[in-house]
């Protein structure tokens, strides 16, 4: 755990990679392939499921740690009206459809035009900052006509001691901050999210415990769209067992979710600009080849259609952060 923060440059399938390392954690990103995260290792073990590989991601399939922008999850149809602007996606390229033909996961999957602004390491953290100028691409503005930039800052940093001089256990975390800046004259609806495919290596799925805070469980119809109903549920730390999830939640003050087993805990904590979360845990490939997605979301599913997302005023910005902490307990 004494490893000093450092940055390593490499390649994956011909794409340049940036690996941020500190205190036993290594997080790898590919800026020129959608700024996707492809690896999250701790003590030499992989905690990010990348089973479909970079090739599948380049084809439009989410895996690893992808950014979903300008909408996370799905829309109710190929037309929406947000911030007073009507948009029809029919005939517009660059968006992906789910099994019901609904637009899903936004338009930035595998986009190569990210500009790396900074790669650096100091005594506190190893960091990568990259920017995507959405307004520079006419094809993207056809699907989301709101000029803006997206900055992503990823940092790997040891957890500093508490004021009393100690922590309960040595920890290290990945911090991902995403900033939307409105660069035009229009207000920009904010409805992005991330889709981390998380796992605990060497642990059978049935033995892993899912950690969820008290929350409102949102009702979804057979197309996974909100019905408007919600049920209050208490926090839990229960084995996954054979349970499957594709569920949406409204979070309260406690926005910590995670997995734990065999003395290891992987926790994701969302800041106040991520008040929503999706949990996706399908049937596993095998008992030991599985993942759970604990997805930070700035707005609920289909927020662009129902004015349920925050708006960034011209010249303004919004930043949302989440952290992934891995520790021995």
C-alpha atoms as a PDB file:
ATOM      1  CA  UNK A   1       0.000   0.000   0.000  1.00  0.00           C
ATOM      2  CA  UNK A   2       3.029   2.332   0.060  1.00  0.00           C
ATOM      3  CA  UNK A   3       3.145   2.764  -3.723  1.00  0.00           C
ATOM      4  CA  UNK A   4       3.484   6.436  -4.642  1.00  0.00           C
ATOM      5  CA  UNK A   5       1.044   7.849  -7.222  1.00  0.00           C
ATOM      6  CA  UNK A   6       2.251   7.425 -10.779  1.00  0.00           C
ATOM      7  CA  UNK A   7       1.015   7.504 -14.385  1.00  0.00           C
ATOM      8  CA  UNK A   8       1.825   4.802 -16.930  1.00  0.00           C
ATOM      9  CA  UNK A   9       1.221   5.112 -20.663  1.00  0.00           C
ATOM     10  CA  UNK A  10       0.490   2.010 -22.733  1.00  0.00           C
ATOM     11  CA  UNK A  11      -1.748   0.608 -25.449  1.00  0.00           C
ATOM     12  CA  UNK A  12      -4.690  -1.742 -25.899  1.00  0.00           C
ATOM     13  CA  UNK A  13      -5.678  -3.095 -29.304  1.00  0.00           C
ATOM     14  CA  UNK A  14      -3.820  -0.214 -30.932  1.00  0.00           C
ATOM     15  CA  UNK A  15      -5.361   2.499 -28.722  1.00  0.00           C
ATOM     16  CA  UNK A  16      -3.276   4.595 -26.327  1.00  0.00           C
ATOM     17  CA  UNK A  17      -4.070   3.972 -22.659  1.00  0.00           C
ATOM     18  CA  UNK A  18      -3.436   5.937 -19.479  1.00  0.00           C
ATOM     19  CA  UNK A  19      -3.077   4.006 -16.221  1.00  0.00           C
ATOM     20  CA  UNK A  20      -3.349   5.844 -12.919  1.00  0.00           C
ATOM     21  CA  UNK A  21      -1.728   3.995 -10.029  1.00  0.00           C
ATOM     22  CA  UNK A  22      -1.377   4.521  -6.282  1.00  0.00           C
ATOM     23  CA  UNK A  23      -1.405   2.457  -3.094  1.00  0.00           C
ATOM     24  CA  UNK A  24      -2.152  -0.835  -4.823  1.00  0.00           C
ATOM     25  CA  UNK A  25      -4.894   0.454  -7.156  1.00  0.00           C
ATOM     26  CA  UNK A  26      -4.508   0.814 -10.934  1.00  0.00           C
ATOM     27  CA  UNK A  27      -7.211   2.381 -13.137  1.00  0.00           C
ATOM     28  CA  UNK A  28      -6.827   2.356 -16.924  1.00  0.00           C
ATOM     29  CA  UNK A  29      -8.667   4.626 -19.379  1.00  0.00           C
ATOM     30  CA  UNK A  30      -8.682   4.906 -23.177  1.00  0.00           C
ATOM     31  CA  UNK A  31      -9.288   8.583 -24.042  1.00  0.00           C
ATOM     32  CA  UNK A  32      -9.481   8.006 -27.809  1.00  0.00           C
ATOM     33  CA  UNK A  33     -12.189   5.351 -27.372  1.00  0.00           C
ATOM     34  CA  UNK A  34     -14.873   7.291 -25.552  1.00  0.00           C
ATOM     35  CA  UNK A  35     -12.761   7.865 -22.416  1.00  0.00           C
ATOM     36  CA  UNK A  36     -13.836   4.376 -21.369  1.00  0.00           C
ATOM     37  CA  UNK A  37     -12.311   2.733 -18.316  1.00  0.00           C
ATOM     38  CA  UNK A  38     -11.004  -0.724 -19.176  1.00  0.00           C
ATOM     39  CA  UNK A  39      -9.439  -1.909 -15.917  1.00  0.00           C
ATOM     40  CA  UNK A  40      -9.598  -1.321 -12.167  1.00  0.00           C
ATOM     41  CA  UNK A  41      -7.079  -3.470 -10.360  1.00  0.00           C
ATOM     42  CA  UNK A  42      -6.434  -3.664  -6.628  1.00  0.00           C
ATOM     43  CA  UNK A  43      -3.556  -5.695  -5.168  1.00  0.00           C
ATOM     44  CA  UNK A  44      -3.086  -7.189  -8.640  1.00  0.00           C
ATOM     45  CA  UNK A  45      -6.707  -8.383  -8.994  1.00  0.00           C
ATOM     46  CA  UNK A  46      -9.229  -7.074 -11.508  1.00  0.00           C
ATOM     47  CA  UNK A  47     -12.425  -5.480 -10.137  1.00  0.00           C
ATOM     48  CA  UNK A  48     -13.832  -4.163 -13.431  1.00  0.00           C
ATOM     49  CA  UNK A  49     -15.598  -6.628 -15.719  1.00  0.00           C
ATOM     50  CA  UNK A  50     -14.439  -6.145 -19.319  1.00  0.00           C
ATOM     51  CA  UNK A  51     -15.580  -9.482 -20.652  1.00  0.00           C
ATOM     52  CA  UNK A  52     -16.826  -8.132 -23.973  1.00  0.00           C
ATOM     53  CA  UNK A  53     -13.470  -6.458 -24.672  1.00  0.00           C
ATOM     54  CA  UNK A  54     -12.606  -3.182 -26.383  1.00  0.00           C
ATOM     55  CA  UNK A  55     -13.715  -4.486 -29.766  1.00  0.00           C
ATOM     56  CA  UNK A  56     -17.284  -5.001 -28.554  1.00  0.00           C
ATOM     57  CA  UNK A  57     -17.302  -1.587 -26.912  1.00  0.00           C
ATOM     58  CA  UNK A  58     -16.221  -0.010 -30.202  1.00  0.00           C
ATOM     59  CA  UNK A  59     -19.255  -1.687 -31.781  1.00  0.00           C
ATOM     60  CA  UNK A  60     -21.531   0.093 -29.304  1.00  0.00           C
ATOM     61  CA  UNK A  61     -21.830  -2.425 -26.463  1.00  0.00           C
ATOM     62  CA  UNK A  62     -21.259  -1.089 -22.945  1.00  0.00           C
ATOM     63  CA  UNK A  63     -18.657  -2.778 -20.775  1.00  0.00           C
ATOM     64  CA  UNK A  64     -15.909  -1.735 -18.364  1.00  0.00           C
ATOM     65  CA  UNK A  65     -16.493   1.826 -17.138  1.00  0.00           C
ATOM     66  CA  UNK A  66     -18.272   3.819 -19.891  1.00  0.00           C
ATOM     67  CA  UNK A  67     -19.752   7.321 -19.795  1.00  0.00           C
ATOM     68  CA  UNK A  68     -23.407   7.503 -20.884  1.00  0.00           C
ATOM     69  CA  UNK A  69     -24.080  10.979 -22.304  1.00  0.00           C
ATOM     70  CA  UNK A  70     -26.153  13.035 -23.013  1.00  0.00           C
ATOM     71  CA  UNK A  71     -28.682  10.588 -21.588  1.00  0.00           C
ATOM     72  CA  UNK A  72     -28.099   7.633 -19.322  1.00  0.00           C
ATOM     73  CA  UNK A  73     -30.247   4.544 -19.681  1.00  0.00           C
ATOM     74  CA  UNK A  74     -33.078   5.021 -22.225  1.00  0.00           C
ATOM     75  CA  UNK A  75     -35.616   7.447 -23.649  1.00  0.00           C
ATOM     76  CA  UNK A  76     -39.296   6.642 -24.183  1.00  0.00           C
ATOM     77  CA  UNK A  77     -38.969   7.036 -27.949  1.00  0.00           C
ATOM     78  CA  UNK A  78     -36.934   8.565 -30.780  1.00  0.00           C
ATOM     79  CA  UNK A  79     -38.381  12.032 -30.124  1.00  0.00           C
ATOM     80  CA  UNK A  80     -38.113  14.179 -27.032  1.00  0.00           C
ATOM     81  CA  UNK A  81     -38.557  17.767 -25.883  1.00  0.00           C
ATOM     82  CA  UNK A  82     -36.098  19.204 -23.371  1.00  0.00           C
ATOM     83  CA  UNK A  83     -35.445  22.770 -22.204  1.00  0.00           C
ATOM     84  CA  UNK A  84     -38.120  23.951 -24.652  1.00  0.00           C
ATOM     85  CA  UNK A  85     -36.450  22.346 -27.676  1.00  0.00           C
ATOM     86  CA  UNK A  86     -38.041  19.504 -29.637  1.00  0.00           C
ATOM     87  CA  UNK A  87     -35.761  16.840 -31.098  1.00  0.00           C
ATOM     88  CA  UNK A  88     -36.598  14.017 -33.511  1.00  0.00           C
ATOM     89  CA  UNK A  89     -33.946  11.305 -33.738  1.00  0.00           C
ATOM     90  CA  UNK A  90     -35.537   9.585 -36.721  1.00  0.00           C
ATOM     91  CA  UNK A  91     -32.939   9.454 -39.473  1.00  0.00           C
ATOM     92  CA  UNK A  92     -30.218  10.882 -37.221  1.00  0.00           C
ATOM     93  CA  UNK A  93     -27.128   8.623 -36.995  1.00  0.00           C
ATOM     94  CA  UNK A  94     -24.996   7.920 -33.953  1.00  0.00           C
ATOM     95  CA  UNK A  95     -27.456   6.640 -31.356  1.00  0.00           C
ATOM     96  CA  UNK A  96     -28.112   3.068 -30.276  1.00  0.00           C
ATOM     97  CA  UNK A  97     -31.443   1.337 -29.743  1.00  0.00           C
ATOM     98  CA  UNK A  98     -32.425  -1.239 -27.133  1.00  0.00           C
ATOM     99  CA  UNK A  99     -34.510  -4.347 -27.810  1.00  0.00           C
ATOM    100  CA  UNK A 100     -37.653  -2.191 -27.956  1.00  0.00           C
ATOM    101  CA  UNK A 101     -36.165   0.314 -30.388  1.00  0.00           C
ATOM    102  CA  UNK A 102     -35.707   2.955 -27.678  1.00  0.00           C
ATOM    103  CA  UNK A 103     -32.638   5.236 -27.689  1.00  0.00           C
ATOM    104  CA  UNK A 104     -30.226   4.004 -25.025  1.00  0.00           C
ATOM    105  CA  UNK A 105     -26.933   5.094 -23.449  1.00  0.00           C
ATOM    106  CA  UNK A 106     -26.508   8.399 -25.311  1.00  0.00           C
ATOM    107  CA  UNK A 107     -24.208   9.175 -28.218  1.00  0.00           C
ATOM    108  CA  UNK A 108     -20.616   9.278 -26.924  1.00  0.00           C
ATOM    109  CA  UNK A 109     -19.888   5.530 -26.901  1.00  0.00           C
ATOM    110  CA  UNK A 110     -16.407   4.993 -28.407  1.00  0.00           C
ATOM    111  CA  UNK A 111     -16.150   8.537 -29.808  1.00  0.00           C
ATOM    112  CA  UNK A 112     -12.460   9.196 -30.594  1.00  0.00           C
ATOM    113  CA  UNK A 113     -12.371  13.003 -30.370  1.00  0.00           C
ATOM    114  CA  UNK A 114     -11.521  13.380 -26.678  1.00  0.00           C
ATOM    115  CA  UNK A 115      -8.673  15.823 -26.037  1.00  0.00           C
ATOM    116  CA  UNK A 116      -6.305  14.968 -23.207  1.00  0.00           C
ATOM    117  CA  UNK A 117      -5.720  18.162 -21.207  1.00  0.00           C
ATOM    118  CA  UNK A 118      -3.535  16.869 -18.402  1.00  0.00           C
ATOM    119  CA  UNK A 119      -1.800  13.721 -17.244  1.00  0.00           C
ATOM    120  CA  UNK A 120       0.130  14.108 -14.005  1.00  0.00           C
ATOM    121  CA  UNK A 121       1.108  12.548 -10.710  1.00  0.00           C
ATOM    122  CA  UNK A 122       2.191  14.105  -7.442  1.00  0.00           C
ATOM    123  CA  UNK A 123       2.412  12.996  -3.829  1.00  0.00           C
ATOM    124  CA  UNK A 124      -1.389  13.087  -3.461  1.00  0.00           C
ATOM    125  CA  UNK A 125      -2.782  11.462  -6.627  1.00  0.00           C
ATOM    126  CA  UNK A 126      -2.321  10.295 -10.190  1.00  0.00           C
ATOM    127  CA  UNK A 127      -4.715  12.166 -12.484  1.00  0.00           C
ATOM    128  CA  UNK A 128      -6.033  12.320 -16.033  1.00  0.00           C
ATOM    129  CA  UNK A 129      -8.200  15.150 -17.424  1.00  0.00           C
ATOM    130  CA  UNK A 130      -9.848  14.919 -20.861  1.00  0.00           C
ATOM    131  CA  UNK A 131     -12.399  17.080 -22.702  1.00  0.00           C
ATOM    132  CA  UNK A 132     -15.016  16.463 -25.378  1.00  0.00           C
ATOM    133  CA  UNK A 133     -16.354  19.485 -27.282  1.00  0.00           C
ATOM    134  CA  UNK A 134     -19.877  18.390 -28.193  1.00  0.00           C
ATOM    135  CA  UNK A 135     -20.571  21.590 -30.121  1.00  0.00           C
ATOM    136  CA  UNK A 136     -17.764  20.813 -32.585  1.00  0.00           C
ATOM    137  CA  UNK A 137     -19.679  17.886 -34.103  1.00  0.00           C
ATOM    138  CA  UNK A 138     -22.722  18.598 -36.247  1.00  0.00           C
ATOM    139  CA  UNK A 139     -23.773  14.944 -36.231  1.00  0.00           C
ATOM    140  CA  UNK A 140     -24.009  15.008 -32.438  1.00  0.00           C
ATOM    141  CA  UNK A 141     -25.824  18.347 -32.314  1.00  0.00           C
ATOM    142  CA  UNK A 142     -28.506  16.834 -34.540  1.00  0.00           C
ATOM    143  CA  UNK A 143     -29.366  14.400 -31.731  1.00  0.00           C
ATOM    144  CA  UNK A 144     -28.762  16.796 -28.815  1.00  0.00           C
ATOM    145  CA  UNK A 145     -28.784  20.435 -30.013  1.00  0.00           C
ATOM    146  CA  UNK A 146     -27.309  21.983 -26.874  1.00  0.00           C
ATOM    147  CA  UNK A 147     -23.713  23.259 -27.310  1.00  0.00           C
ATOM    148  CA  UNK A 148     -21.501  22.246 -24.410  1.00  0.00           C
ATOM    149  CA  UNK A 149     -18.249  20.627 -23.400  1.00  0.00           C
ATOM    150  CA  UNK A 150     -17.730  17.573 -21.186  1.00  0.00           C
ATOM    151  CA  UNK A 151     -14.654  17.363 -18.973  1.00  0.00           C
ATOM    152  CA  UNK A 152     -13.768  14.130 -17.188  1.00  0.00           C
ATOM    153  CA  UNK A 153     -11.160  14.131 -14.444  1.00  0.00           C
ATOM    154  CA  UNK A 154     -10.113  10.717 -13.106  1.00  0.00           C
ATOM    155  CA  UNK A 155      -7.856  10.421 -10.063  1.00  0.00           C
ATOM    156  CA  UNK A 156      -6.438   7.516  -8.112  1.00  0.00           C
ATOM    157  CA  UNK A 157      -5.487   8.548  -4.619  1.00  0.00           C
ATOM    158  CA  UNK A 158      -4.792   6.988  -1.234  1.00  0.00           C
ATOM    159  CA  UNK A 159      -7.414   7.804   1.377  1.00  0.00           C
ATOM    160  CA  UNK A 160      -5.890  10.285   3.778  1.00  0.00           C
ATOM    161  CA  UNK A 161      -5.915   9.525   7.534  1.00  0.00           C
ATOM    162  CA  UNK A 162      -8.836  10.769   9.560  1.00  0.00           C
ATOM    163  CA  UNK A 163      -8.342  13.768  11.878  1.00  0.00           C
ATOM    164  CA  UNK A 164      -7.697  11.281  14.675  1.00  0.00           C
ATOM    165  CA  UNK A 165      -4.764   9.934  12.732  1.00  0.00           C
ATOM    166  CA  UNK A 166      -6.009   6.602  11.462  1.00  0.00           C
ATOM    167  CA  UNK A 167      -8.505   4.899   9.181  1.00  0.00           C
ATOM    168  CA  UNK A 168     -10.339   1.670   9.919  1.00  0.00           C
ATOM    169  CA  UNK A 169      -8.384  -0.084   7.171  1.00  0.00           C
ATOM    170  CA  UNK A 170      -5.947   0.968   4.430  1.00  0.00           C
ATOM    171  CA  UNK A 171      -7.965   2.346   1.524  1.00  0.00           C
ATOM    172  CA  UNK A 172      -7.452   3.764  -1.946  1.00  0.00           C
ATOM    173  CA  UNK A 173     -10.026   5.205  -4.288  1.00  0.00           C
ATOM    174  CA  UNK A 174     -10.787   6.168  -7.846  1.00  0.00           C
ATOM    175  CA  UNK A 175     -12.483   9.573  -8.119  1.00  0.00           C
ATOM    176  CA  UNK A 176     -14.296  10.458 -11.351  1.00  0.00           C
ATOM    177  CA  UNK A 177     -15.569  14.037 -11.758  1.00  0.00           C
ATOM    178  CA  UNK A 178     -17.654  14.896 -14.840  1.00  0.00           C
ATOM    179  CA  UNK A 179     -18.326  18.532 -15.714  1.00  0.00           C
ATOM    180  CA  UNK A 180     -20.795  19.846 -18.297  1.00  0.00           C
ATOM    181  CA  UNK A 181     -20.253  23.470 -19.381  1.00  0.00           C
ATOM    182  CA  UNK A 182     -22.841  25.295 -21.486  1.00  0.00           C
ATOM    183  CA  UNK A 183     -20.929  26.984 -24.317  1.00  0.00           C
ATOM    184  CA  UNK A 184     -23.821  28.314 -26.388  1.00  0.00           C
ATOM    185  CA  UNK A 185     -26.930  30.406 -25.853  1.00  0.00           C
ATOM    186  CA  UNK A 186     -29.150  27.517 -24.821  1.00  0.00           C
ATOM    187  CA  UNK A 187     -29.654  25.935 -21.450  1.00  0.00           C
ATOM    188  CA  UNK A 188     -28.167  22.427 -21.417  1.00  0.00           C
ATOM    189  CA  UNK A 189     -30.206  19.546 -19.930  1.00  0.00           C
ATOM    190  CA  UNK A 190     -28.017  17.295 -17.780  1.00  0.00           C
ATOM    191  CA  UNK A 191     -28.930  13.611 -17.865  1.00  0.00           C
ATOM    192  CA  UNK A 192     -25.613  11.737 -18.001  1.00  0.00           C
ATOM    193  CA  UNK A 193     -24.438   8.769 -15.984  1.00  0.00           C
ATOM    194  CA  UNK A 194     -21.702   6.141 -15.742  1.00  0.00           C
ATOM    195  CA  UNK A 195     -22.099   2.380 -16.079  1.00  0.00           C
ATOM    196  CA  UNK A 196     -19.386   0.601 -14.028  1.00  0.00           C
ATOM    197  CA  UNK A 197     -19.324  -3.184 -14.468  1.00  0.00           C
ATOM    198  CA  UNK A 198     -18.011  -4.203 -11.043  1.00  0.00           C
ATOM    199  CA  UNK A 199     -16.947  -7.599  -9.703  1.00  0.00           C
ATOM    200  CA  UNK A 200     -15.094  -9.289  -6.860  1.00  0.00           C
ATOM    201  CA  UNK A 201     -12.439 -11.630  -8.278  1.00  0.00           C
ATOM    202  CA  UNK A 202     -12.372 -15.161  -6.956  1.00  0.00           C
ATOM    203  CA  UNK A 203     -15.808 -14.800  -5.340  1.00  0.00           C
ATOM    204  CA  UNK A 204     -18.844 -16.765  -6.438  1.00  0.00           C
ATOM    205  CA  UNK A 205     -21.779 -14.502  -7.253  1.00  0.00           C
ATOM    206  CA  UNK A 206     -24.122 -16.194  -4.787  1.00  0.00           C
ATOM    207  CA  UNK A 207     -21.706 -15.442  -1.934  1.00  0.00           C
ATOM    208  CA  UNK A 208     -21.232 -11.726  -2.668  1.00  0.00           C
ATOM    209  CA  UNK A 209     -23.294  -9.305  -0.600  1.00  0.00           C
ATOM    210  CA  UNK A 210     -24.985  -6.364  -2.291  1.00  0.00           C
ATOM    211  CA  UNK A 211     -24.889  -3.165  -0.226  1.00  0.00           C
ATOM    212  CA  UNK A 212     -27.702  -0.669  -0.869  1.00  0.00           C
ATOM    213  CA  UNK A 213     -28.781   2.380   1.184  1.00  0.00           C
ATOM    214  CA  UNK A 214     -32.373   3.302   2.081  1.00  0.00           C
ATOM    215  CA  UNK A 215     -34.016   4.298  -1.193  1.00  0.00           C
ATOM    216  CA  UNK A 216     -37.161   4.733  -3.260  1.00  0.00           C
ATOM    217  CA  UNK A 217     -37.600   1.837  -5.689  1.00  0.00           C
ATOM    218  CA  UNK A 218     -39.094   3.281  -8.870  1.00  0.00           C
ATOM    219  CA  UNK A 219     -41.804   1.389 -10.718  1.00  0.00           C
ATOM    220  CA  UNK A 220     -40.882   0.437 -14.303  1.00  0.00           C
ATOM    221  CA  UNK A 221     -43.034  -0.891 -17.116  1.00  0.00           C
ATOM    222  CA  UNK A 222     -42.172  -3.770 -19.448  1.00  0.00           C
ATOM    223  CA  UNK A 223     -39.919  -1.439 -21.472  1.00  0.00           C
ATOM    224  CA  UNK A 224     -38.017  -0.411 -18.313  1.00  0.00           C
ATOM    225  CA  UNK A 225     -39.544   3.092 -18.350  1.00  0.00           C
ATOM    226  CA  UNK A 226     -40.773   4.788 -15.143  1.00  0.00           C
ATOM    227  CA  UNK A 227     -44.467   4.424 -14.343  1.00  0.00           C
ATOM    228  CA  UNK A 228     -44.505   7.223 -11.771  1.00  0.00           C
ATOM    229  CA  UNK A 229     -44.884   4.915  -8.775  1.00  0.00           C
ATOM    230  CA  UNK A 230     -42.248   4.340  -6.100  1.00  0.00           C
ATOM    231  CA  UNK A 231     -41.855   2.088  -3.061  1.00  0.00           C
ATOM    232  CA  UNK A 232     -39.699   2.960  -0.056  1.00  0.00           C
ATOM    233  CA  UNK A 233     -37.124   0.284   0.781  1.00  0.00           C
ATOM    234  CA  UNK A 234     -34.698   0.025   3.725  1.00  0.00           C
ATOM    235  CA  UNK A 235     -30.974  -0.358   3.360  1.00  0.00           C
ATOM    236  CA  UNK A 236     -29.625  -3.863   2.839  1.00  0.00           C
ATOM    237  CA  UNK A 237     -26.447  -5.915   2.974  1.00  0.00           C
ATOM    238  CA  UNK A 238     -27.762  -9.189   1.585  1.00  0.00           C
ATOM    239  CA  UNK A 239     -26.261 -11.980  -0.544  1.00  0.00           C
ATOM    240  CA  UNK A 240     -26.884 -11.665  -4.252  1.00  0.00           C
ATOM    241  CA  UNK A 241     -27.812 -15.330  -4.370  1.00  0.00           C
ATOM    242  CA  UNK A 242     -29.821 -15.904  -7.544  1.00  0.00           C
ATOM    243  CA  UNK A 243     -31.372 -12.450  -7.547  1.00  0.00           C
ATOM    244  CA  UNK A 244     -31.333 -10.421 -10.747  1.00  0.00           C
ATOM    245  CA  UNK A 245     -31.700  -6.650 -11.012  1.00  0.00           C
ATOM    246  CA  UNK A 246     -32.467  -4.048 -13.648  1.00  0.00           C
ATOM    247  CA  UNK A 247     -33.901  -1.540 -11.197  1.00  0.00           C
ATOM    248  CA  UNK A 248     -34.035   2.238 -10.810  1.00  0.00           C
ATOM    249  CA  UNK A 249     -33.767   4.076  -7.489  1.00  0.00           C
ATOM    250  CA  UNK A 250     -34.084   7.558  -6.056  1.00  0.00           C
ATOM    251  CA  UNK A 251     -31.466   7.959  -3.333  1.00  0.00           C
ATOM    252  CA  UNK A 252     -31.505   9.961  -0.124  1.00  0.00           C
ATOM    253  CA  UNK A 253     -28.650  11.467   1.834  1.00  0.00           C
ATOM    254  CA  UNK A 254     -26.888   8.111   1.982  1.00  0.00           C
ATOM    255  CA  UNK A 255     -25.646   7.472  -1.558  1.00  0.00           C
ATOM    256  CA  UNK A 256     -23.234   4.601  -0.867  1.00  0.00           C
ATOM    257  CA  UNK A 257     -23.638   1.303  -2.739  1.00  0.00           C
ATOM    258  CA  UNK A 258     -21.281  -1.638  -2.933  1.00  0.00           C
ATOM    259  CA  UNK A 259     -20.269  -5.277  -2.909  1.00  0.00           C
ATOM    260  CA  UNK A 260     -18.452  -7.237  -0.233  1.00  0.00           C
ATOM    261  CA  UNK A 261     -17.227 -10.777   0.424  1.00  0.00           C
ATOM    262  CA  UNK A 262     -14.280 -12.603   1.979  1.00  0.00           C
ATOM    263  CA  UNK A 263     -12.948  -9.583   3.839  1.00  0.00           C
ATOM    264  CA  UNK A 264     -13.010  -7.279   0.813  1.00  0.00           C
ATOM    265  CA  UNK A 265     -15.342  -4.351   0.184  1.00  0.00           C
ATOM    266  CA  UNK A 266     -15.864  -2.423  -3.032  1.00  0.00           C
ATOM    267  CA  UNK A 267     -17.920   0.713  -2.433  1.00  0.00           C
ATOM    268  CA  UNK A 268     -19.170   3.422  -4.775  1.00  0.00           C
ATOM    269  CA  UNK A 269     -20.223   6.734  -3.262  1.00  0.00           C
ATOM    270  CA  UNK A 270     -22.163   9.357  -5.211  1.00  0.00           C
ATOM    271  CA  UNK A 271     -22.190  13.095  -4.528  1.00  0.00           C
ATOM    272  CA  UNK A 272     -25.327  15.255  -4.352  1.00  0.00           C
ATOM    273  CA  UNK A 273     -25.464  15.705  -8.136  1.00  0.00           C
ATOM    274  CA  UNK A 274     -26.008  11.948  -8.520  1.00  0.00           C
ATOM    275  CA  UNK A 275     -29.340  11.560  -6.682  1.00  0.00           C
ATOM    276  CA  UNK A 276     -30.404   8.593  -8.835  1.00  0.00           C
ATOM    277  CA  UNK A 277     -28.939   5.144  -9.432  1.00  0.00           C
ATOM    278  CA  UNK A 278     -29.594   2.056 -11.517  1.00  0.00           C
ATOM    279  CA  UNK A 279     -28.623  -1.439 -10.349  1.00  0.00           C
ATOM    280  CA  UNK A 280     -28.078  -3.950 -13.130  1.00  0.00           C
ATOM    281  CA  UNK A 281     -27.235  -7.531 -12.149  1.00  0.00           C
ATOM    282  CA  UNK A 282     -28.193 -10.053 -14.842  1.00  0.00           C
ATOM    283  CA  UNK A 283     -27.795 -13.799 -14.700  1.00  0.00           C
ATOM    284  CA  UNK A 284     -24.068 -14.603 -14.576  1.00  0.00           C
ATOM    285  CA  UNK A 285     -22.028 -16.123 -17.368  1.00  0.00           C
ATOM    286  CA  UNK A 286     -20.955 -18.666 -14.748  1.00  0.00           C
ATOM    287  CA  UNK A 287     -20.931 -18.732 -10.906  1.00  0.00           C
ATOM    288  CA  UNK A 288     -17.487 -17.095 -10.901  1.00  0.00           C
ATOM    289  CA  UNK A 289     -17.848 -14.938 -14.050  1.00  0.00           C
ATOM    290  CA  UNK A 290     -20.301 -12.216 -13.115  1.00  0.00           C
ATOM    291  CA  UNK A 291     -20.733  -8.497 -12.632  1.00  0.00           C
ATOM    292  CA  UNK A 292     -22.997  -5.975 -10.958  1.00  0.00           C
ATOM    293  CA  UNK A 293     -23.460  -2.466 -12.344  1.00  0.00           C
ATOM    294  CA  UNK A 294     -24.000   0.222  -9.708  1.00  0.00           C
ATOM    295  CA  UNK A 295     -24.727   3.185 -11.948  1.00  0.00           C
ATOM    296  CA  UNK A 296     -24.548   6.864 -10.893  1.00  0.00           C
ATOM    297  CA  UNK A 297     -27.153   8.997 -12.684  1.00  0.00           C
ATOM    298  CA  UNK A 298     -27.686  12.762 -12.638  1.00  0.00           C
ATOM    299  CA  UNK A 299     -31.346  12.307 -13.633  1.00  0.00           C
ATOM    300  CA  UNK A 300     -33.901   9.492 -13.752  1.00  0.00           C
ATOM    301  CA  UNK A 301     -34.637   7.302 -16.759  1.00  0.00           C
ATOM    302  CA  UNK A 302     -36.268   9.247 -19.623  1.00  0.00           C
ATOM    303  CA  UNK A 303     -35.563  12.561 -17.886  1.00  0.00           C
ATOM    304  CA  UNK A 304     -35.235  14.456 -21.179  1.00  0.00           C
ATOM    305  CA  UNK A 305     -38.887  13.701 -21.953  1.00  0.00           C
ATOM    306  CA  UNK A 306     -40.364  14.752 -18.637  1.00  0.00           C
ATOM    307  CA  UNK A 307     -38.266  17.815 -17.697  1.00  0.00           C
ATOM    308  CA  UNK A 308     -36.858  15.907 -14.715  1.00  0.00           C
ATOM    309  CA  UNK A 309     -33.203  16.815 -15.268  1.00  0.00           C
ATOM    310  CA  UNK A 310     -31.189  19.820 -14.066  1.00  0.00           C
ATOM    311  CA  UNK A 311     -30.384  22.595 -16.539  1.00  0.00           C
ATOM    312  CA  UNK A 312     -27.058  24.382 -16.947  1.00  0.00           C
ATOM    313  CA  UNK A 313     -27.495  28.044 -17.867  1.00  0.00           C
ATOM    314  CA  UNK A 314     -25.400  29.597 -20.672  1.00  0.00           C
ATOM    315  CA  UNK A 315     -21.891  30.121 -19.359  1.00  0.00           C
ATOM    316  CA  UNK A 316     -22.552  27.893 -16.362  1.00  0.00           C
ATOM    317  CA  UNK A 317     -21.470  24.398 -15.420  1.00  0.00           C
ATOM    318  CA  UNK A 318     -22.423  21.352 -13.361  1.00  0.00           C
ATOM    319  CA  UNK A 319     -20.000  18.810 -11.870  1.00  0.00           C
ATOM    320  CA  UNK A 320     -20.966  15.386 -10.549  1.00  0.00           C
ATOM    321  CA  UNK A 321     -18.485  13.111  -8.752  1.00  0.00           C
ATOM    322  CA  UNK A 322     -18.418   9.506  -7.697  1.00  0.00           C
ATOM    323  CA  UNK A 323     -15.724   7.523  -5.942  1.00  0.00           C
ATOM    324  CA  UNK A 324     -14.925   3.829  -6.019  1.00  0.00           C
ATOM    325  CA  UNK A 325     -13.118   2.632  -2.916  1.00  0.00           C
ATOM    326  CA  UNK A 326     -11.604  -0.834  -2.514  1.00  0.00           C
ATOM    327  CA  UNK A 327     -10.393  -2.017   0.864  1.00  0.00           C
ATOM    328  CA  UNK A 328      -9.689  -5.042   3.010  1.00  0.00           C
ATOM    329  CA  UNK A 329     -12.070  -5.170   5.957  1.00  0.00           C
END
